[in-house]
C-alpha atoms as a PDB file:
ATOM      1  CA  MET A   1      -0.545  68.711 -76.521  1.00  0.00           C
ATOM      2  CA  LYS A   2       1.804  67.070 -74.032  1.00  0.00           C
ATOM      3  CA  PRO A   3       1.830  68.357 -70.434  1.00  0.00           C
ATOM      4  CA  SER A   4       4.987  70.211 -69.505  1.00  0.00           C
ATOM      5  CA  LEU A   5       7.572  68.679 -67.236  1.00  0.00           C
ATOM      6  CA  LYS A   6       6.885  71.511 -64.789  1.00  0.00           C
ATOM      7  CA  LEU A   7       3.172  70.618 -64.625  1.00  0.00           C
ATOM      8  CA  ILE A   8       3.923  66.916 -64.205  1.00  0.00           C
ATOM      9  CA  LEU A   9       6.280  67.617 -61.313  1.00  0.00           C
ATOM     10  CA  ALA A  10       3.821  70.004 -59.658  1.00  0.00           C
ATOM     11  CA  THR A  11       0.987  67.462 -59.931  1.00  0.00           C
ATOM     12  CA  ALA A  12       3.165  64.703 -58.552  1.00  0.00           C
ATOM     13  CA  GLY A  13       4.247  66.901 -55.675  1.00  0.00           C
ATOM     14  CA  LEU A  14       0.657  67.773 -54.785  1.00  0.00           C
ATOM     15  CA  ALA A  15      -0.340  64.125 -54.866  1.00  0.00           C
ATOM     16  CA  ALA A  16       2.545  63.226 -52.584  1.00  0.00           C
ATOM     17  CA  LEU A  17       1.602  66.014 -50.185  1.00  0.00           C
ATOM     18  CA  VAL A  18      -2.010  64.837 -50.009  1.00  0.00           C
ATOM     19  CA  ALA A  19      -0.928  61.238 -49.497  1.00  0.00           C
ATOM     20  CA  SER A  20       1.430  62.151 -46.672  1.00  0.00           C
ATOM     21  CA  SER A  21      -0.939  64.567 -44.868  1.00  0.00           C
ATOM     22  CA  PRO A  22      -2.659  63.234 -41.747  1.00  0.00           C
ATOM     23  CA  VAL A  23      -6.396  62.682 -41.986  1.00  0.00           C
ATOM     24  CA  LEU A  24      -8.194  65.386 -40.038  1.00  0.00           C
ATOM     25  CA  ALA A  25      -9.920  64.040 -36.927  1.00  0.00           C
ATOM     26  CA  GLU A  26     -13.680  64.150 -36.795  1.00  0.00           C
ATOM     27  CA  LYS A  27     -14.722  66.400 -33.916  1.00  0.00           C
ATOM     28  CA  TRP A  28     -17.855  65.840 -31.828  1.00  0.00           C
ATOM     29  CA  ASN A  29     -19.357  68.145 -29.199  1.00  0.00           C
ATOM     30  CA  MET A  30     -20.579  66.606 -25.951  1.00  0.00           C
ATOM     31  CA  PRO A  31     -22.702  68.482 -23.399  1.00  0.00           C
ATOM     32  CA  VAL A  32     -22.416  66.991 -19.907  1.00  0.00           C
ATOM     33  CA  ARG A  33     -24.256  67.696 -16.701  1.00  0.00           C
ATOM     34  CA  SER A  34     -21.651  68.465 -14.046  1.00  0.00           C
ATOM     35  CA  ASN A  35     -18.458  70.398 -13.428  1.00  0.00           C
ATOM     36  CA  GLU A  36     -14.943  69.072 -14.025  1.00  0.00           C
ATOM     37  CA  ARG A  37     -14.459  67.982 -10.384  1.00  0.00           C
ATOM     38  CA  ASN A  38     -17.485  65.696 -10.444  1.00  0.00           C
ATOM     39  CA  TYR A  39     -16.714  61.996 -10.939  1.00  0.00           C
ATOM     40  CA  PHE A  40     -19.196  61.796 -13.820  1.00  0.00           C
ATOM     41  CA  THR A  41     -17.259  64.421 -15.758  1.00  0.00           C
ATOM     42  CA  ARG A  42     -13.887  62.983 -14.792  1.00  0.00           C
ATOM     43  CA  ASN A  43     -15.096  59.604 -16.021  1.00  0.00           C
ATOM     44  CA  ILE A  44     -16.300  61.152 -19.284  1.00  0.00           C
ATOM     45  CA  MET A  45     -12.976  62.938 -19.779  1.00  0.00           C
ATOM     46  CA  GLN A  46     -11.263  59.546 -19.470  1.00  0.00           C
ATOM     47  CA  PHE A  47     -13.813  58.103 -21.905  1.00  0.00           C
ATOM     48  CA  THR A  48     -12.988  60.788 -24.486  1.00  0.00           C
ATOM     49  CA  ALA A  49      -9.265  60.168 -24.024  1.00  0.00           C
ATOM     50  CA  ASP A  50      -9.877  56.442 -24.536  1.00  0.00           C
ATOM     51  CA  VAL A  51     -11.924  57.156 -27.670  1.00  0.00           C
ATOM     52  CA  LYS A  52      -9.070  59.185 -29.131  1.00  0.00           C
ATOM     53  CA  LYS A  53      -6.615  56.395 -28.334  1.00  0.00           C
ATOM     54  CA  GLU A  54      -8.855  53.540 -29.530  1.00  0.00           C
ATOM     55  CA  THR A  55      -9.641  55.340 -32.810  1.00  0.00           C
ATOM     56  CA  ASP A  56      -6.016  56.354 -33.505  1.00  0.00           C
ATOM     57  CA  GLY A  57      -7.039  59.980 -33.255  1.00  0.00           C
ATOM     58  CA  LYS A  58      -9.764  59.735 -35.910  1.00  0.00           C
ATOM     59  CA  LEU A  59     -12.452  60.881 -33.464  1.00  0.00           C
ATOM     60  CA  GLU A  60     -12.102  63.720 -30.983  1.00  0.00           C
ATOM     61  CA  ILE A  61     -14.861  64.483 -28.474  1.00  0.00           C
ATOM     62  CA  VAL A  62     -14.978  67.975 -26.963  1.00  0.00           C
ATOM     63  CA  VAL A  63     -16.631  68.014 -23.528  1.00  0.00           C
ATOM     64  CA  HIS A  64     -18.788  70.990 -22.506  1.00  0.00           C
ATOM     65  CA  PRO A  65     -19.411  70.671 -18.724  1.00  0.00           C
ATOM     66  CA  GLU A  66     -22.104  72.039 -16.442  1.00  0.00           C
ATOM     67  CA  ASP A  67     -24.783  72.928 -19.006  1.00  0.00           C
ATOM     68  CA  SER A  68     -22.389  75.335 -20.740  1.00  0.00           C
ATOM     69  CA  LEU A  69     -23.448  74.228 -24.241  1.00  0.00           C
ATOM     70  CA  LEU A  70     -27.032  73.073 -23.660  1.00  0.00           C
ATOM     71  CA  LYS A  71     -29.375  72.958 -20.676  1.00  0.00           C
ATOM     72  CA  GLN A  72     -30.041  69.448 -19.373  1.00  0.00           C
ATOM     73  CA  PRO A  73     -33.630  69.116 -20.619  1.00  0.00           C
ATOM     74  CA  GLU A  74     -32.446  69.937 -24.162  1.00  0.00           C
ATOM     75  CA  VAL A  75     -29.652  67.365 -24.479  1.00  0.00           C
ATOM     76  CA  LYS A  76     -31.664  64.294 -25.463  1.00  0.00           C
ATOM     77  CA  ARG A  77     -33.518  66.137 -28.208  1.00  0.00           C
ATOM     78  CA  ALA A  78     -30.281  67.748 -29.409  1.00  0.00           C
ATOM     79  CA  VAL A  79     -28.650  64.326 -29.843  1.00  0.00           C
ATOM     80  CA  GLN A  80     -31.756  62.943 -31.529  1.00  0.00           C
ATOM     81  CA  THR A  81     -31.852  65.775 -34.094  1.00  0.00           C
ATOM     82  CA  GLY A  82     -28.090  65.879 -34.642  1.00  0.00           C
ATOM     83  CA  GLN A  83     -27.601  69.307 -33.111  1.00  0.00           C
ATOM     84  CA  VAL A  84     -24.866  67.582 -31.116  1.00  0.00           C
ATOM     85  CA  GLN A  85     -23.431  64.175 -31.831  1.00  0.00           C
ATOM     86  CA  ILE A  86     -23.172  62.838 -28.275  1.00  0.00           C
ATOM     87  CA  GLY A  87     -24.355  63.872 -24.822  1.00  0.00           C
ATOM     88  CA  GLU A  88     -24.946  62.977 -21.181  1.00  0.00           C
ATOM     89  CA  PHE A  89     -28.163  63.570 -19.247  1.00  0.00           C
ATOM     90  CA  LEU A  90     -30.167  62.434 -16.242  1.00  0.00           C
ATOM     91  CA  MET A  91     -32.417  59.718 -17.666  1.00  0.00           C
ATOM     92  CA  SER A  92     -35.307  60.278 -15.256  1.00  0.00           C
ATOM     93  CA  MET A  93     -35.686  63.847 -16.474  1.00  0.00           C
ATOM     94  CA  HIS A  94     -37.612  62.358 -19.389  1.00  0.00           C
ATOM     95  CA  SER A  95     -39.978  60.100 -17.445  1.00  0.00           C
ATOM     96  CA  ASN A  96     -42.975  62.162 -18.543  1.00  0.00           C
ATOM     97  CA  GLU A  97     -42.184  60.989 -22.070  1.00  0.00           C
ATOM     98  CA  TRP A  98     -41.948  57.324 -21.045  1.00  0.00           C
ATOM     99  CA  ALA A  99     -42.335  56.068 -17.489  1.00  0.00           C
ATOM    100  CA  VAL A 100     -39.486  53.551 -17.793  1.00  0.00           C
ATOM    101  CA  PHE A 101     -37.063  56.464 -18.139  1.00  0.00           C
ATOM    102  CA  GLY A 102     -37.892  57.233 -14.495  1.00  0.00           C
ATOM    103  CA  ILE A 103     -37.646  53.803 -12.933  1.00  0.00           C
ATOM    104  CA  ASP A 104     -34.194  54.459 -11.488  1.00  0.00           C
ATOM    105  CA  SER A 105     -35.558  57.406  -9.494  1.00  0.00           C
ATOM    106  CA  VAL A 106     -38.557  55.762  -7.841  1.00  0.00           C
ATOM    107  CA  PRO A 107     -37.802  56.152  -4.109  1.00  0.00           C
ATOM    108  CA  PHE A 108     -36.869  52.995  -2.211  1.00  0.00           C
ATOM    109  CA  LEU A 109     -37.132  50.700  -5.231  1.00  0.00           C
ATOM    110  CA  ALA A 110     -33.380  50.441  -5.895  1.00  0.00           C
ATOM    111  CA  SER A 111     -31.433  52.612  -3.474  1.00  0.00           C
ATOM    112  CA  ASN A 112     -28.046  50.851  -3.431  1.00  0.00           C
ATOM    113  CA  SER A 113     -25.507  49.809  -6.060  1.00  0.00           C
ATOM    114  CA  ALA A 114     -26.395  46.114  -6.055  1.00  0.00           C
ATOM    115  CA  ASP A 115     -30.098  46.747  -6.551  1.00  0.00           C
ATOM    116  CA  GLY A 116     -29.372  49.470  -9.096  1.00  0.00           C
ATOM    117  CA  ALA A 117     -27.220  47.109 -11.156  1.00  0.00           C
ATOM    118  CA  LYS A 118     -29.919  44.445 -10.982  1.00  0.00           C
ATOM    119  CA  LEU A 119     -32.563  46.931 -12.102  1.00  0.00           C
ATOM    120  CA  LEU A 120     -30.383  48.071 -15.003  1.00  0.00           C
ATOM    121  CA  ARG A 121     -29.971  44.491 -16.220  1.00  0.00           C
ATOM    122  CA  VAL A 122     -33.756  44.143 -16.319  1.00  0.00           C
ATOM    123  CA  VAL A 123     -34.609  47.405 -18.084  1.00  0.00           C
ATOM    124  CA  ARG A 124     -31.566  47.956 -20.280  1.00  0.00           C
ATOM    125  CA  PRO A 125     -32.980  46.080 -23.312  1.00  0.00           C
ATOM    126  CA  LEU A 126     -36.160  48.166 -23.118  1.00  0.00           C
ATOM    127  CA  ILE A 127     -34.214  51.419 -22.881  1.00  0.00           C
ATOM    128  CA  ILE A 128     -31.997  50.446 -25.814  1.00  0.00           C
ATOM    129  CA  ASP A 129     -35.028  49.588 -27.929  1.00  0.00           C
ATOM    130  CA  ARG A 130     -36.836  52.835 -27.067  1.00  0.00           C
ATOM    131  CA  LEU A 131     -33.815  54.989 -27.849  1.00  0.00           C
ATOM    132  CA  GLU A 132     -33.068  53.118 -31.091  1.00  0.00           C
ATOM    133  CA  LYS A 133     -36.552  53.964 -32.355  1.00  0.00           C
ATOM    134  CA  GLN A 134     -35.681  57.622 -31.751  1.00  0.00           C
ATOM    135  CA  GLY A 135     -32.408  57.413 -33.659  1.00  0.00           C
ATOM    136  CA  ILE A 136     -30.284  57.303 -30.492  1.00  0.00           C
ATOM    137  CA  ARG A 137     -27.770  54.697 -29.312  1.00  0.00           C
ATOM    138  CA  LEU A 138     -27.163  54.080 -25.612  1.00  0.00           C
ATOM    139  CA  LEU A 139     -23.422  54.006 -24.868  1.00  0.00           C
ATOM    140  CA  PHE A 140     -23.159  53.739 -21.091  1.00  0.00           C
ATOM    141  CA  VAL A 141     -24.926  54.252 -17.766  1.00  0.00           C
ATOM    142  CA  VAL A 142     -23.433  55.549 -14.493  1.00  0.00           C
ATOM    143  CA  PRO A 143     -25.298  55.913 -11.154  1.00  0.00           C
ATOM    144  CA  TRP A 144     -25.361  58.811  -8.727  1.00  0.00           C
ATOM    145  CA  PRO A 145     -24.657  58.191  -5.052  1.00  0.00           C
ATOM    146  CA  PRO A 146     -27.844  57.427  -3.101  1.00  0.00           C
ATOM    147  CA  ASN A 147     -30.002  60.542  -2.763  1.00  0.00           C
ATOM    148  CA  SER A 148     -30.846  61.966   0.658  1.00  0.00           C
ATOM    149  CA  PHE A 149     -32.372  65.059   2.257  1.00  0.00           C
ATOM    150  CA  TYR A 150     -30.774  68.467   2.685  1.00  0.00           C
ATOM    151  CA  SER A 151     -32.590  70.867   4.977  1.00  0.00           C
ATOM    152  CA  ASP A 152     -32.038  74.072   6.924  1.00  0.00           C
ATOM    153  CA  LYS A 153     -33.948  72.623   9.874  1.00  0.00           C
ATOM    154  CA  GLU A 154     -34.177  69.328  11.740  1.00  0.00           C
ATOM    155  CA  ILE A 155     -36.401  66.683  10.139  1.00  0.00           C
ATOM    156  CA  LYS A 156     -38.149  64.200  12.404  1.00  0.00           C
ATOM    157  CA  SER A 157     -41.109  63.346  10.190  1.00  0.00           C
ATOM    158  CA  THR A 158     -42.489  64.260   6.792  1.00  0.00           C
ATOM    159  CA  ASN A 159     -44.668  66.844   8.580  1.00  0.00           C
ATOM    160  CA  ASP A 160     -41.530  68.965   8.854  1.00  0.00           C
ATOM    161  CA  PHE A 161     -41.591  69.402   5.076  1.00  0.00           C
ATOM    162  CA  LYS A 162     -45.096  70.875   4.959  1.00  0.00           C
ATOM    163  CA  GLY A 163     -45.070  74.124   3.000  1.00  0.00           C
ATOM    164  CA  VAL A 164     -41.306  73.914   2.414  1.00  0.00           C
ATOM    165  CA  LYS A 165     -40.113  74.898  -1.073  1.00  0.00           C
ATOM    166  CA  PHE A 166     -38.485  71.647  -2.163  1.00  0.00           C
ATOM    167  CA  ARG A 167     -36.209  71.211  -5.151  1.00  0.00           C
ATOM    168  CA  ALA A 168     -37.472  68.747  -7.758  1.00  0.00           C
ATOM    169  CA  PHE A 169     -35.125  67.593 -10.535  1.00  0.00           C
ATOM    170  CA  ASN A 170     -37.500  65.151 -12.238  1.00  0.00           C
ATOM    171  CA  PRO A 171     -41.219  64.284 -12.093  1.00  0.00           C
ATOM    172  CA  VAL A 172     -40.924  61.666  -9.352  1.00  0.00           C
ATOM    173  CA  THR A 173     -39.057  63.968  -6.943  1.00  0.00           C
ATOM    174  CA  GLY A 174     -41.763  66.527  -7.590  1.00  0.00           C
ATOM    175  CA  ARG A 175     -44.377  63.928  -6.684  1.00  0.00           C
ATOM    176  CA  LEU A 176     -42.401  62.934  -3.576  1.00  0.00           C
ATOM    177  CA  ALA A 177     -42.439  66.569  -2.469  1.00  0.00           C
ATOM    178  CA  GLN A 178     -46.217  66.732  -2.939  1.00  0.00           C
ATOM    179  CA  LEU A 179     -46.826  63.588  -0.902  1.00  0.00           C
ATOM    180  CA  MET A 180     -44.725  65.011   1.947  1.00  0.00           C
ATOM    181  CA  GLY A 181     -46.696  68.260   1.859  1.00  0.00           C
ATOM    182  CA  ALA A 182     -43.814  70.269   0.409  1.00  0.00           C
ATOM    183  CA  VAL A 183     -43.991  72.631  -2.553  1.00  0.00           C
ATOM    184  CA  PRO A 184     -42.021  71.204  -5.516  1.00  0.00           C
ATOM    185  CA  VAL A 185     -39.853  73.651  -7.462  1.00  0.00           C
ATOM    186  CA  THR A 186     -38.006  72.462 -10.575  1.00  0.00           C
ATOM    187  CA  VAL A 187     -34.358  73.505 -10.354  1.00  0.00           C
ATOM    188  CA  GLN A 188     -31.508  72.085 -12.439  1.00  0.00           C
ATOM    189  CA  GLN A 189     -28.221  71.127 -10.800  1.00  0.00           C
ATOM    190  CA  SER A 190     -26.332  74.117 -12.200  1.00  0.00           C
ATOM    191  CA  GLU A 191     -28.924  76.465 -10.621  1.00  0.00           C
ATOM    192  CA  VAL A 192     -29.079  74.981  -7.098  1.00  0.00           C
ATOM    193  CA  SER A 193     -26.771  77.471  -5.370  1.00  0.00           C
ATOM    194  CA  GLN A 194     -28.593  80.471  -6.765  1.00  0.00           C
ATOM    195  CA  ALA A 195     -31.980  78.937  -5.956  1.00  0.00           C
ATOM    196  CA  PHE A 196     -31.036  78.481  -2.301  1.00  0.00           C
ATOM    197  CA  SER A 197     -29.443  81.922  -1.981  1.00  0.00           C
ATOM    198  CA  THR A 198     -32.514  83.642  -3.418  1.00  0.00           C
ATOM    199  CA  GLY A 199     -35.041  81.625  -1.393  1.00  0.00           C
ATOM    200  CA  VAL A 200     -36.464  79.789  -4.406  1.00  0.00           C
ATOM    201  CA  ILE A 201     -35.869  76.498  -2.556  1.00  0.00           C
ATOM    202  CA  GLN A 202     -35.362  75.629   1.115  1.00  0.00           C
ATOM    203  CA  ALA A 203     -34.696  71.882   0.966  1.00  0.00           C
ATOM    204  CA  MET A 204     -33.894  69.158  -1.541  1.00  0.00           C
ATOM    205  CA  ILE A 205     -33.301  65.481  -2.059  1.00  0.00           C
ATOM    206  CA  THR A 206     -30.119  64.795  -3.969  1.00  0.00           C
ATOM    207  CA  SER A 207     -26.800  63.021  -3.765  1.00  0.00           C
ATOM    208  CA  PRO A 208     -23.843  63.938  -1.562  1.00  0.00           C
ATOM    209  CA  LEU A 209     -22.075  64.616  -4.859  1.00  0.00           C
ATOM    210  CA  THR A 210     -24.467  67.416  -5.796  1.00  0.00           C
ATOM    211  CA  GLY A 211     -24.228  68.674  -2.227  1.00  0.00           C
ATOM    212  CA  VAL A 212     -20.462  69.036  -2.555  1.00  0.00           C
ATOM    213  CA  ASP A 213     -20.637  70.458  -6.080  1.00  0.00           C
ATOM    214  CA  THR A 214     -23.115  73.140  -5.023  1.00  0.00           C
ATOM    215  CA  GLN A 215     -21.476  73.779  -1.623  1.00  0.00           C
ATOM    216  CA  ALA A 216     -24.743  73.045   0.133  1.00  0.00           C
ATOM    217  CA  TRP A 217     -23.196  73.895   3.520  1.00  0.00           C
ATOM    218  CA  ASP A 218     -23.505  77.567   2.568  1.00  0.00           C
ATOM    219  CA  PHE A 219     -27.312  77.265   2.610  1.00  0.00           C
ATOM    220  CA  VAL A 220     -28.427  74.308   4.733  1.00  0.00           C
ATOM    221  CA  LYS A 221     -27.252  72.718   7.962  1.00  0.00           C
ATOM    222  CA  TYR A 222     -28.574  69.154   7.904  1.00  0.00           C
ATOM    223  CA  PHE A 223     -28.025  66.109   5.694  1.00  0.00           C
ATOM    224  CA  TYR A 224     -30.357  63.174   6.469  1.00  0.00           C
ATOM    225  CA  GLU A 225     -29.039  59.972   4.929  1.00  0.00           C
ATOM    226  CA  VAL A 226     -32.336  58.385   3.829  1.00  0.00           C
ATOM    227  CA  LYS A 227     -30.776  56.825   0.669  1.00  0.00           C
ATOM    228  CA  ALA A 228     -33.997  56.992  -1.300  1.00  0.00           C
ATOM    229  CA  MET A 229     -32.692  56.240  -4.798  1.00  0.00           C
ATOM    230  CA  ALA A 230     -29.570  56.356  -6.950  1.00  0.00           C
ATOM    231  CA  PRO A 231     -30.567  57.816 -10.345  1.00  0.00           C
ATOM    232  CA  TRP A 232     -28.631  57.194 -13.543  1.00  0.00           C
ATOM    233  CA  ASN A 233     -26.905  59.510 -15.943  1.00  0.00           C
ATOM    234  CA  ILE A 234     -26.779  58.033 -19.438  1.00  0.00           C
ATOM    235  CA  VAL A 235     -24.476  58.811 -22.334  1.00  0.00           C
ATOM    236  CA  VAL A 236     -26.020  58.541 -25.784  1.00  0.00           C
ATOM    237  CA  VAL A 237     -24.957  59.155 -29.377  1.00  0.00           C
ATOM    238  CA  ASN A 238     -26.840  60.017 -32.550  1.00  0.00           C
ATOM    239  CA  GLU A 239     -27.223  56.665 -34.327  1.00  0.00           C
ATOM    240  CA  GLY A 240     -26.847  58.081 -37.833  1.00  0.00           C
ATOM    241  CA  MET A 241     -23.604  59.833 -36.972  1.00  0.00           C
ATOM    242  CA  PHE A 242     -22.302  56.793 -35.126  1.00  0.00           C
ATOM    243  CA  SER A 243     -23.163  54.478 -38.033  1.00  0.00           C
ATOM    244  CA  ALA A 244     -21.353  56.802 -40.464  1.00  0.00           C
ATOM    245  CA  LEU A 245     -18.060  56.069 -38.707  1.00  0.00           C
ATOM    246  CA  ASP A 246     -15.870  53.315 -40.077  1.00  0.00           C
ATOM    247  CA  ALA A 247     -15.987  49.942 -38.325  1.00  0.00           C
ATOM    248  CA  LYS A 248     -12.723  50.395 -36.423  1.00  0.00           C
ATOM    249  CA  THR A 249     -13.777  53.784 -35.097  1.00  0.00           C
ATOM    250  CA  ARG A 250     -17.199  52.462 -34.034  1.00  0.00           C
ATOM    251  CA  ASN A 251     -15.567  49.571 -32.201  1.00  0.00           C
ATOM    252  CA  GLY A 252     -13.197  52.009 -30.518  1.00  0.00           C
ATOM    253  CA  VAL A 253     -16.095  54.068 -29.202  1.00  0.00           C
ATOM    254  CA  LEU A 254     -17.891  50.971 -27.914  1.00  0.00           C
ATOM    255  CA  THR A 255     -14.735  49.687 -26.210  1.00  0.00           C
ATOM    256  CA  ALA A 256     -14.230  53.033 -24.479  1.00  0.00           C
ATOM    257  CA  ALA A 257     -17.912  53.132 -23.482  1.00  0.00           C
ATOM    258  CA  LYS A 258     -17.784  49.678 -21.885  1.00  0.00           C
ATOM    259  CA  ALA A 259     -14.757  50.709 -19.833  1.00  0.00           C
ATOM    260  CA  ALA A 260     -16.456  53.980 -18.832  1.00  0.00           C
ATOM    261  CA  GLU A 261     -19.525  52.190 -17.476  1.00  0.00           C
ATOM    262  CA  GLU A 262     -17.458  49.747 -15.438  1.00  0.00           C
ATOM    263  CA  ARG A 263     -15.276  52.566 -14.125  1.00  0.00           C
ATOM    264  CA  GLY A 264     -18.289  54.782 -13.359  1.00  0.00           C
ATOM    265  CA  TRP A 265     -19.988  52.210 -11.137  1.00  0.00           C
ATOM    266  CA  LYS A 266     -16.733  51.697  -9.230  1.00  0.00           C
ATOM    267  CA  LEU A 267     -16.324  55.438  -8.818  1.00  0.00           C
ATOM    268  CA  GLN A 268     -19.813  55.736  -7.380  1.00  0.00           C
ATOM    269  CA  ALA A 269     -18.988  53.167  -4.702  1.00  0.00           C
ATOM    270  CA  GLU A 270     -15.585  54.712  -3.929  1.00  0.00           C
ATOM    271  CA  GLU A 271     -16.651  58.345  -3.893  1.00  0.00           C
ATOM    272  CA  THR A 272     -19.821  58.254  -1.787  1.00  0.00           C
ATOM    273  CA  SER A 273     -18.210  57.974   1.660  1.00  0.00           C
ATOM    274  CA  LYS A 274     -15.570  60.573   0.741  1.00  0.00           C
ATOM    275  CA  LEU A 275     -18.287  63.007  -0.315  1.00  0.00           C
ATOM    276  CA  ILE A 276     -20.190  62.539   2.947  1.00  0.00           C
ATOM    277  CA  ASP A 277     -16.931  63.145   4.844  1.00  0.00           C
ATOM    278  CA  THR A 278     -16.577  66.400   2.913  1.00  0.00           C
ATOM    279  CA  LEU A 279     -20.060  67.497   3.983  1.00  0.00           C
ATOM    280  CA  LYS A 280     -19.072  66.792   7.603  1.00  0.00           C
ATOM    281  CA  ALA A 281     -15.758  68.623   7.250  1.00  0.00           C
ATOM    282  CA  LYS A 282     -17.578  71.675   5.932  1.00  0.00           C
ATOM    283  CA  GLY A 283     -19.741  71.818   9.027  1.00  0.00           C
ATOM    284  CA  MET A 284     -22.909  70.030   7.950  1.00  0.00           C
ATOM    285  CA  GLN A 285     -24.616  67.762  10.470  1.00  0.00           C
ATOM    286  CA  VAL A 286     -24.864  64.350   8.826  1.00  0.00           C
ATOM    287  CA  ARG A 287     -27.644  62.408  10.510  1.00  0.00           C
ATOM    288  CA  GLN A 288     -29.355  59.071  10.222  1.00  0.00           C
ATOM    289  CA  PRO A 289     -33.137  59.399   9.861  1.00  0.00           C
ATOM    290  CA  GLY A 290     -35.326  58.319  12.753  1.00  0.00           C
ATOM    291  CA  PRO A 291     -37.713  55.341  12.560  1.00  0.00           C
ATOM    292  CA  GLU A 292     -40.811  57.566  12.271  1.00  0.00           C
ATOM    293  CA  LEU A 293     -39.429  59.401   9.245  1.00  0.00           C
ATOM    294  CA  MET A 294     -38.294  56.203   7.538  1.00  0.00           C
ATOM    295  CA  ALA A 295     -41.622  54.469   8.120  1.00  0.00           C
ATOM    296  CA  GLU A 296     -43.430  57.415   6.534  1.00  0.00           C
ATOM    297  CA  LEU A 297     -41.013  57.524   3.621  1.00  0.00           C
ATOM    298  CA  HIS A 298     -41.288  53.804   2.914  1.00  0.00           C
ATOM    299  CA  LYS A 299     -45.068  54.131   2.868  1.00  0.00           C
ATOM    300  CA  ILE A 300     -44.758  56.988   0.375  1.00  0.00           C
ATOM    301  CA  GLY A 301     -42.277  54.878  -1.573  1.00  0.00           C
ATOM    302  CA  GLU A 302     -44.812  52.058  -1.892  1.00  0.00           C
ATOM    303  CA  GLN A 303     -47.338  54.533  -3.275  1.00  0.00           C
ATOM    304  CA  LEU A 304     -44.805  55.920  -5.743  1.00  0.00           C
ATOM    305  CA  VAL A 305     -43.876  52.420  -6.946  1.00  0.00           C
ATOM    306  CA  ALA A 306     -47.561  51.667  -7.511  1.00  0.00           C
ATOM    307  CA  GLU A 307     -48.043  54.968  -9.350  1.00  0.00           C
ATOM    308  CA  TRP A 308     -45.001  54.297 -11.504  1.00  0.00           C
ATOM    309  CA  SER A 309     -46.242  50.798 -12.366  1.00  0.00           C
ATOM    310  CA  LYS A 310     -49.610  52.173 -13.442  1.00  0.00           C
ATOM    311  CA  ALA A 311     -47.988  54.931 -15.508  1.00  0.00           C
ATOM    312  CA  ALA A 312     -45.776  52.367 -17.244  1.00  0.00           C
ATOM    313  CA  GLY A 313     -48.816  50.431 -18.502  1.00  0.00           C
ATOM    314  CA  ASP A 314     -48.379  46.743 -19.309  1.00  0.00           C
ATOM    315  CA  GLU A 315     -44.602  47.031 -18.954  1.00  0.00           C
ATOM    316  CA  GLY A 316     -44.771  48.204 -15.326  1.00  0.00           C
ATOM    317  CA  PRO A 317     -45.858  45.037 -13.503  1.00  0.00           C
ATOM    318  CA  LYS A 318     -43.654  42.891 -15.762  1.00  0.00           C
ATOM    319  CA  ILE A 319     -40.550  44.957 -14.994  1.00  0.00           C
ATOM    320  CA  LEU A 320     -41.217  44.946 -11.261  1.00  0.00           C
ATOM    321  CA  ASP A 321     -41.801  41.188 -11.280  1.00  0.00           C
ATOM    322  CA  GLN A 322     -38.586  40.519 -13.197  1.00  0.00           C
ATOM    323  CA  TYR A 323     -36.633  42.865 -10.930  1.00  0.00           C
ATOM    324  CA  ARG A 324     -37.913  41.263  -7.733  1.00  0.00           C
ATOM    325  CA  LYS A 325     -37.126  37.776  -9.029  1.00  0.00           C
ATOM    326  CA  ALA A 326     -33.668  38.682 -10.400  1.00  0.00           C
ATOM    327  CA  ASN A 327     -30.505  37.680  -8.577  1.00  0.00           C
END
């Protein structure tokens, strides 16, 4: 039985409609650590715009800022299991899993941009390899401004921290608090303001960026610019989901990621002095630490480097040797 002319025309019309319809974009969800004003999030928003452009709209990434989709400690596991496709988190938060994840946060090992970049060149292959074994691909790395002390009282030596409830955001800052005689309290960035207002914490070590984001001037008076370390946020993607993209789309993501890392390191350098000026403008006393405090901190830093090296096993001394010899 021959198909009717009406059926032939209908089938042809449907085929033409399908052929002319745009391919629906794949949509990924991306939890990120900070609010929209923060340069990390602004950089990521530019990254997602670049991804859309580079992939001709085939891939759309929806950003969920300030722990609104997932809490920070959950992001890595969520990417690994495919709960989300892509995410940003503070790498050192996972140093209990693998010590190398915390190398960027060891106080006074790499506290400026040049040393941080050198350290990243040394450890990046190891980080890539570790994440690959977990089904995760590293896309890009961006540093925080150097971390310093916030306190509601003057700090002349580490003795002034004794008994103080001190915010810890990763294992090494918790250990730093212990060695200064403070009481470490784990508080995520999104919870800092509430923790200060309720007396959960009284002091912290963090970047001027977090200080501005959390309006630290509402709770503390002093900012001591000790520049202990400049931790890294990393952006990662589920390897299986990334590999399922077509070659052009994958290349588009990688191109956007390379630009985001370069832009992020520049933003860190440009933003730091502006952020410190904001702390001053809001009434905080920005001070340089005295020689007694710095001598004590550097001694603690040496102990923390040694502890990190031991925790890292055979890799620890090798990484430190390569870092110290690198140009």
